[in-house]
Amino acid sequence: MKLKTTIAALMMTATMAVAPLTAANADSFINKVLTGAAGIYGVKLIAGPLNSFLDNLLLTNHVANEGKTKVVPILQTGTGTYVGAAQVSGPAYAVDRVQAVGSLAFEWNNNVWRGSVLIPIDSLNPLKGFKRVYGVGVDAVINAKL
């Protein structure tokens, strides 16, 4: 129940932060940046409880992780720009370096096929650049219905 309350508060905060800009006809780029920042902040707020929930879910179903796990923002580009969450797992030294999961969405053959490539990365700031974190896997992708 507490997780649902936290998610609801996050969505309300994001909506309140972006609504005045939309009403004022602000540039769509600014709206995307602010919405993305609110989404990243929201994921960071619920990362701990969400990670525990996923760990317990995997344990209950007899497929628990042996390494360290952590929930981070997932940043998607390609057919659109989205923010969500992903659980990563692996050796502690590698998982500690992961700041986000980059997702590159793609479509081909007249949109008959679509997919995404998930890459654990060491930075949330695309202006500073980022590097892939090797040895880390993506266990789960979490999306919230808005």
C-alpha atoms as a PDB file:
ATOM      1  CA  MET A   1       0.000   0.000   0.000  1.00  0.00           C
ATOM      2  CA  LYS A   2       2.838   2.374   0.856  1.00  0.00           C
ATOM      3  CA  LEU A   3       4.359   1.809  -2.613  1.00  0.00           C
ATOM      4  CA  LYS A   4       1.070   2.754  -4.298  1.00  0.00           C
ATOM      5  CA  THR A   5       0.884   5.920  -2.198  1.00  0.00           C
ATOM      6  CA  THR A   6       4.448   6.841  -3.117  1.00  0.00           C
ATOM      7  CA  ILE A   7       3.797   6.246  -6.825  1.00  0.00           C
ATOM      8  CA  ALA A   8       0.585   8.299  -6.672  1.00  0.00           C
ATOM      9  CA  ALA A   9       2.445  11.158  -4.951  1.00  0.00           C
ATOM     10  CA  LEU A  10       5.166  10.990  -7.587  1.00  0.00           C
ATOM     11  CA  MET A  11       2.696  11.168 -10.468  1.00  0.00           C
ATOM     12  CA  MET A  12       0.869  14.075  -8.840  1.00  0.00           C
ATOM     13  CA  THR A  13       4.160  15.947  -8.336  1.00  0.00           C
ATOM     14  CA  ALA A  14       5.229  15.379 -11.939  1.00  0.00           C
ATOM     15  CA  THR A  15       1.838  16.516 -13.243  1.00  0.00           C
ATOM     16  CA  MET A  16       1.845  19.639 -11.088  1.00  0.00           C
ATOM     17  CA  ALA A  17       5.385  20.497 -12.163  1.00  0.00           C
ATOM     18  CA  VAL A  18       4.680  20.172 -15.886  1.00  0.00           C
ATOM     19  CA  ALA A  19       1.078  21.444 -16.078  1.00  0.00           C
ATOM     20  CA  PRO A  20       1.913  25.170 -15.751  1.00  0.00           C
ATOM     21  CA  LEU A  21       4.438  24.881 -18.557  1.00  0.00           C
ATOM     22  CA  THR A  22       1.940  23.184 -20.847  1.00  0.00           C
ATOM     23  CA  ALA A  23      -0.681  25.812 -20.071  1.00  0.00           C
ATOM     24  CA  ALA A  24       1.808  28.555 -20.857  1.00  0.00           C
ATOM     25  CA  ASN A  25       2.644  26.923 -24.223  1.00  0.00           C
ATOM     26  CA  ALA A  26       6.265  26.447 -23.244  1.00  0.00           C
ATOM     27  CA  ASP A  27       8.605  24.815 -25.704  1.00  0.00           C
ATOM     28  CA  SER A  28       8.020  21.046 -25.958  1.00  0.00           C
ATOM     29  CA  PHE A  29      11.733  20.412 -25.421  1.00  0.00           C
ATOM     30  CA  ILE A  30      11.555  22.087 -22.017  1.00  0.00           C
ATOM     31  CA  ASN A  31       8.458  20.012 -21.180  1.00  0.00           C
ATOM     32  CA  LYS A  32      10.313  16.818 -22.099  1.00  0.00           C
ATOM     33  CA  VAL A  33      13.341  17.771 -20.020  1.00  0.00           C
ATOM     34  CA  LEU A  34      11.246  18.652 -16.969  1.00  0.00           C
ATOM     35  CA  THR A  35       9.052  15.566 -17.325  1.00  0.00           C
ATOM     36  CA  GLY A  36      12.157  13.403 -17.691  1.00  0.00           C
ATOM     37  CA  ALA A  37      13.783  14.975 -14.647  1.00  0.00           C
ATOM     38  CA  ALA A  38      10.609  14.415 -12.599  1.00  0.00           C
ATOM     39  CA  GLY A  39      10.494  10.792 -13.765  1.00  0.00           C
ATOM     40  CA  ILE A  40      14.137  10.173 -12.857  1.00  0.00           C
ATOM     41  CA  TYR A  41      13.631  11.777  -9.446  1.00  0.00           C
ATOM     42  CA  GLY A  42      10.526   9.643  -8.893  1.00  0.00           C
ATOM     43  CA  VAL A  43      12.343   6.430  -9.761  1.00  0.00           C
ATOM     44  CA  LYS A  44      15.109   7.335  -7.329  1.00  0.00           C
ATOM     45  CA  LEU A  45      12.500   7.931  -4.587  1.00  0.00           C
ATOM     46  CA  ILE A  46      10.921   4.479  -4.939  1.00  0.00           C
ATOM     47  CA  ALA A  47      14.029   2.525  -5.986  1.00  0.00           C
ATOM     48  CA  GLY A  48      14.670   0.892  -2.604  1.00  0.00           C
ATOM     49  CA  PRO A  49      11.141  -0.434  -1.949  1.00  0.00           C
ATOM     50  CA  LEU A  50      10.728  -1.440  -5.592  1.00  0.00           C
ATOM     51  CA  ASN A  51      14.031  -3.327  -5.521  1.00  0.00           C
ATOM     52  CA  SER A  52      12.955  -5.192  -2.350  1.00  0.00           C
ATOM     53  CA  PHE A  53       9.608  -6.049  -3.946  1.00  0.00           C
ATOM     54  CA  LEU A  54      11.317  -7.477  -7.051  1.00  0.00           C
ATOM     55  CA  ASP A  55      13.882  -9.409  -4.992  1.00  0.00           C
ATOM     56  CA  ASN A  56      11.065 -10.961  -2.929  1.00  0.00           C
ATOM     57  CA  LEU A  57       9.071 -11.751  -6.072  1.00  0.00           C
ATOM     58  CA  LEU A  58      12.030 -13.563  -7.616  1.00  0.00           C
ATOM     59  CA  LEU A  59      12.808 -15.383  -4.354  1.00  0.00           C
ATOM     60  CA  THR A  60       9.197 -16.523  -3.962  1.00  0.00           C
ATOM     61  CA  ASN A  61       9.283 -17.938  -7.492  1.00  0.00           C
ATOM     62  CA  HIS A  62      12.602 -19.754  -6.873  1.00  0.00           C
ATOM     63  CA  VAL A  63      14.628 -17.622  -9.311  1.00  0.00           C
ATOM     64  CA  ALA A  64      16.409 -15.321  -6.830  1.00  0.00           C
ATOM     65  CA  ASN A  65      19.500 -13.373  -7.816  1.00  0.00           C
ATOM     66  CA  GLU A  66      22.851 -14.424  -6.425  1.00  0.00           C
ATOM     67  CA  GLY A  67      24.507 -11.030  -6.930  1.00  0.00           C
ATOM     68  CA  LYS A  68      23.635  -7.514  -5.852  1.00  0.00           C
ATOM     69  CA  THR A  69      20.517  -5.853  -7.272  1.00  0.00           C
ATOM     70  CA  LYS A  70      19.442  -2.246  -7.654  1.00  0.00           C
ATOM     71  CA  VAL A  71      16.607  -0.320  -9.335  1.00  0.00           C
ATOM     72  CA  VAL A  72      17.659   2.569 -11.578  1.00  0.00           C
ATOM     73  CA  PRO A  73      15.912   4.842 -14.086  1.00  0.00           C
ATOM     74  CA  ILE A  74      15.555   3.476 -17.592  1.00  0.00           C
ATOM     75  CA  LEU A  75      15.907   6.106 -20.297  1.00  0.00           C
ATOM     76  CA  GLN A  76      14.448   5.220 -23.694  1.00  0.00           C
ATOM     77  CA  THR A  77      15.062   6.894 -27.002  1.00  0.00           C
ATOM     78  CA  GLY A  78      14.214   5.913 -30.537  1.00  0.00           C
ATOM     79  CA  THR A  79      10.512   5.936 -31.422  1.00  0.00           C
ATOM     80  CA  GLY A  80       9.886   8.327 -28.510  1.00  0.00           C
ATOM     81  CA  THR A  81      11.454   9.400 -25.249  1.00  0.00           C
ATOM     82  CA  TYR A  82      10.282   7.688 -22.079  1.00  0.00           C
ATOM     83  CA  VAL A  83      11.407   7.254 -18.485  1.00  0.00           C
ATOM     84  CA  GLY A  84      10.750   4.138 -16.416  1.00  0.00           C
ATOM     85  CA  ALA A  85      12.659   1.871 -14.057  1.00  0.00           C
ATOM     86  CA  ALA A  86      14.797  -1.233 -14.424  1.00  0.00           C
ATOM     87  CA  GLN A  87      16.306  -3.665 -11.960  1.00  0.00           C
ATOM     88  CA  VAL A  88      19.927  -4.564 -12.667  1.00  0.00           C
ATOM     89  CA  SER A  89      21.949  -7.356 -11.074  1.00  0.00           C
ATOM     90  CA  GLY A  90      25.513  -8.584 -10.972  1.00  0.00           C
ATOM     91  CA  PRO A  91      28.679  -8.285  -8.925  1.00  0.00           C
ATOM     92  CA  ALA A  92      28.501  -5.494  -6.333  1.00  0.00           C
ATOM     93  CA  TYR A  93      31.444  -3.554  -7.821  1.00  0.00           C
ATOM     94  CA  ALA A  94      29.681  -3.377 -11.209  1.00  0.00           C
ATOM     95  CA  VAL A  95      26.120  -2.779  -9.940  1.00  0.00           C
ATOM     96  CA  ASP A  96      27.379   0.124  -7.810  1.00  0.00           C
ATOM     97  CA  ARG A  97      28.616   1.856 -11.000  1.00  0.00           C
ATOM     98  CA  VAL A  98      25.240   1.643 -12.799  1.00  0.00           C
ATOM     99  CA  GLN A  99      23.301   4.920 -12.726  1.00  0.00           C
ATOM    100  CA  ALA A 100      20.677   4.105 -15.373  1.00  0.00           C
ATOM    101  CA  VAL A 101      19.718   1.703 -18.119  1.00  0.00           C
ATOM    102  CA  GLY A 102      19.730   3.120 -21.618  1.00  0.00           C
ATOM    103  CA  SER A 103      17.120   1.686 -23.965  1.00  0.00           C
ATOM    104  CA  LEU A 104      17.352   2.184 -27.691  1.00  0.00           C
ATOM    105  CA  ALA A 105      14.000   1.352 -29.305  1.00  0.00           C
ATOM    106  CA  PHE A 106      13.848   0.402 -32.969  1.00  0.00           C
ATOM    107  CA  GLU A 107      11.404  -0.792 -35.622  1.00  0.00           C
ATOM    108  CA  TRP A 108      11.945  -2.348 -39.020  1.00  0.00           C
ATOM    109  CA  ASN A 109      10.148  -4.022 -41.920  1.00  0.00           C
ATOM    110  CA  ASN A 110       7.397  -1.370 -42.067  1.00  0.00           C
ATOM    111  CA  ASN A 111       6.926  -1.535 -38.280  1.00  0.00           C
ATOM    112  CA  VAL A 112       6.152  -5.277 -38.352  1.00  0.00           C
ATOM    113  CA  TRP A 113       9.009  -5.860 -35.914  1.00  0.00           C
ATOM    114  CA  ARG A 114      10.055  -3.730 -32.999  1.00  0.00           C
ATOM    115  CA  GLY A 115      12.480  -4.146 -30.156  1.00  0.00           C
ATOM    116  CA  SER A 116      14.786  -2.430 -27.745  1.00  0.00           C
ATOM    117  CA  VAL A 117      18.390  -2.806 -26.685  1.00  0.00           C
ATOM    118  CA  LEU A 118      18.974  -2.448 -22.920  1.00  0.00           C
ATOM    119  CA  ILE A 119      22.384  -1.169 -21.824  1.00  0.00           C
ATOM    120  CA  PRO A 120      23.433  -0.568 -18.195  1.00  0.00           C
ATOM    121  CA  ILE A 121      25.255   2.794 -18.180  1.00  0.00           C
ATOM    122  CA  ASP A 122      27.327   4.765 -15.665  1.00  0.00           C
ATOM    123  CA  SER A 123      25.777   8.228 -15.996  1.00  0.00           C
ATOM    124  CA  LEU A 124      22.412   9.997 -16.069  1.00  0.00           C
ATOM    125  CA  ASN A 125      23.878  13.015 -17.854  1.00  0.00           C
ATOM    126  CA  PRO A 126      24.017  12.543 -21.640  1.00  0.00           C
ATOM    127  CA  LEU A 127      25.994  15.789 -21.978  1.00  0.00           C
ATOM    128  CA  LYS A 128      28.872  14.303 -19.952  1.00  0.00           C
ATOM    129  CA  GLY A 129      28.710  11.075 -21.915  1.00  0.00           C
ATOM    130  CA  PHE A 130      28.425   7.601 -20.514  1.00  0.00           C
ATOM    131  CA  LYS A 131      30.019   4.187 -20.649  1.00  0.00           C
ATOM    132  CA  ARG A 132      28.484   0.760 -20.662  1.00  0.00           C
ATOM    133  CA  VAL A 133      28.875  -1.138 -17.384  1.00  0.00           C
ATOM    134  CA  TYR A 134      29.942  -4.670 -18.252  1.00  0.00           C
ATOM    135  CA  GLY A 135      29.012  -7.687 -16.146  1.00  0.00           C
ATOM    136  CA  VAL A 136      25.571  -6.339 -15.213  1.00  0.00           C
ATOM    137  CA  GLY A 137      22.286  -7.753 -16.439  1.00  0.00           C
ATOM    138  CA  VAL A 138      18.819  -6.246 -16.627  1.00  0.00           C
ATOM    139  CA  ASP A 139      16.347  -8.387 -14.651  1.00  0.00           C
ATOM    140  CA  ALA A 140      13.168  -6.351 -14.905  1.00  0.00           C
ATOM    141  CA  VAL A 141      11.665  -3.365 -16.660  1.00  0.00           C
ATOM    142  CA  ILE A 142       9.003  -1.508 -14.685  1.00  0.00           C
ATOM    143  CA  ASN A 143       6.448   0.847 -16.230  1.00  0.00           C
ATOM    144  CA  ALA A 144       3.675   2.830 -14.585  1.00  0.00           C
ATOM    145  CA  LYS A 145       0.364   3.468 -16.283  1.00  0.00           C
ATOM    146  CA  LEU A 146      -0.352   7.195 -16.338  1.00  0.00           C
END
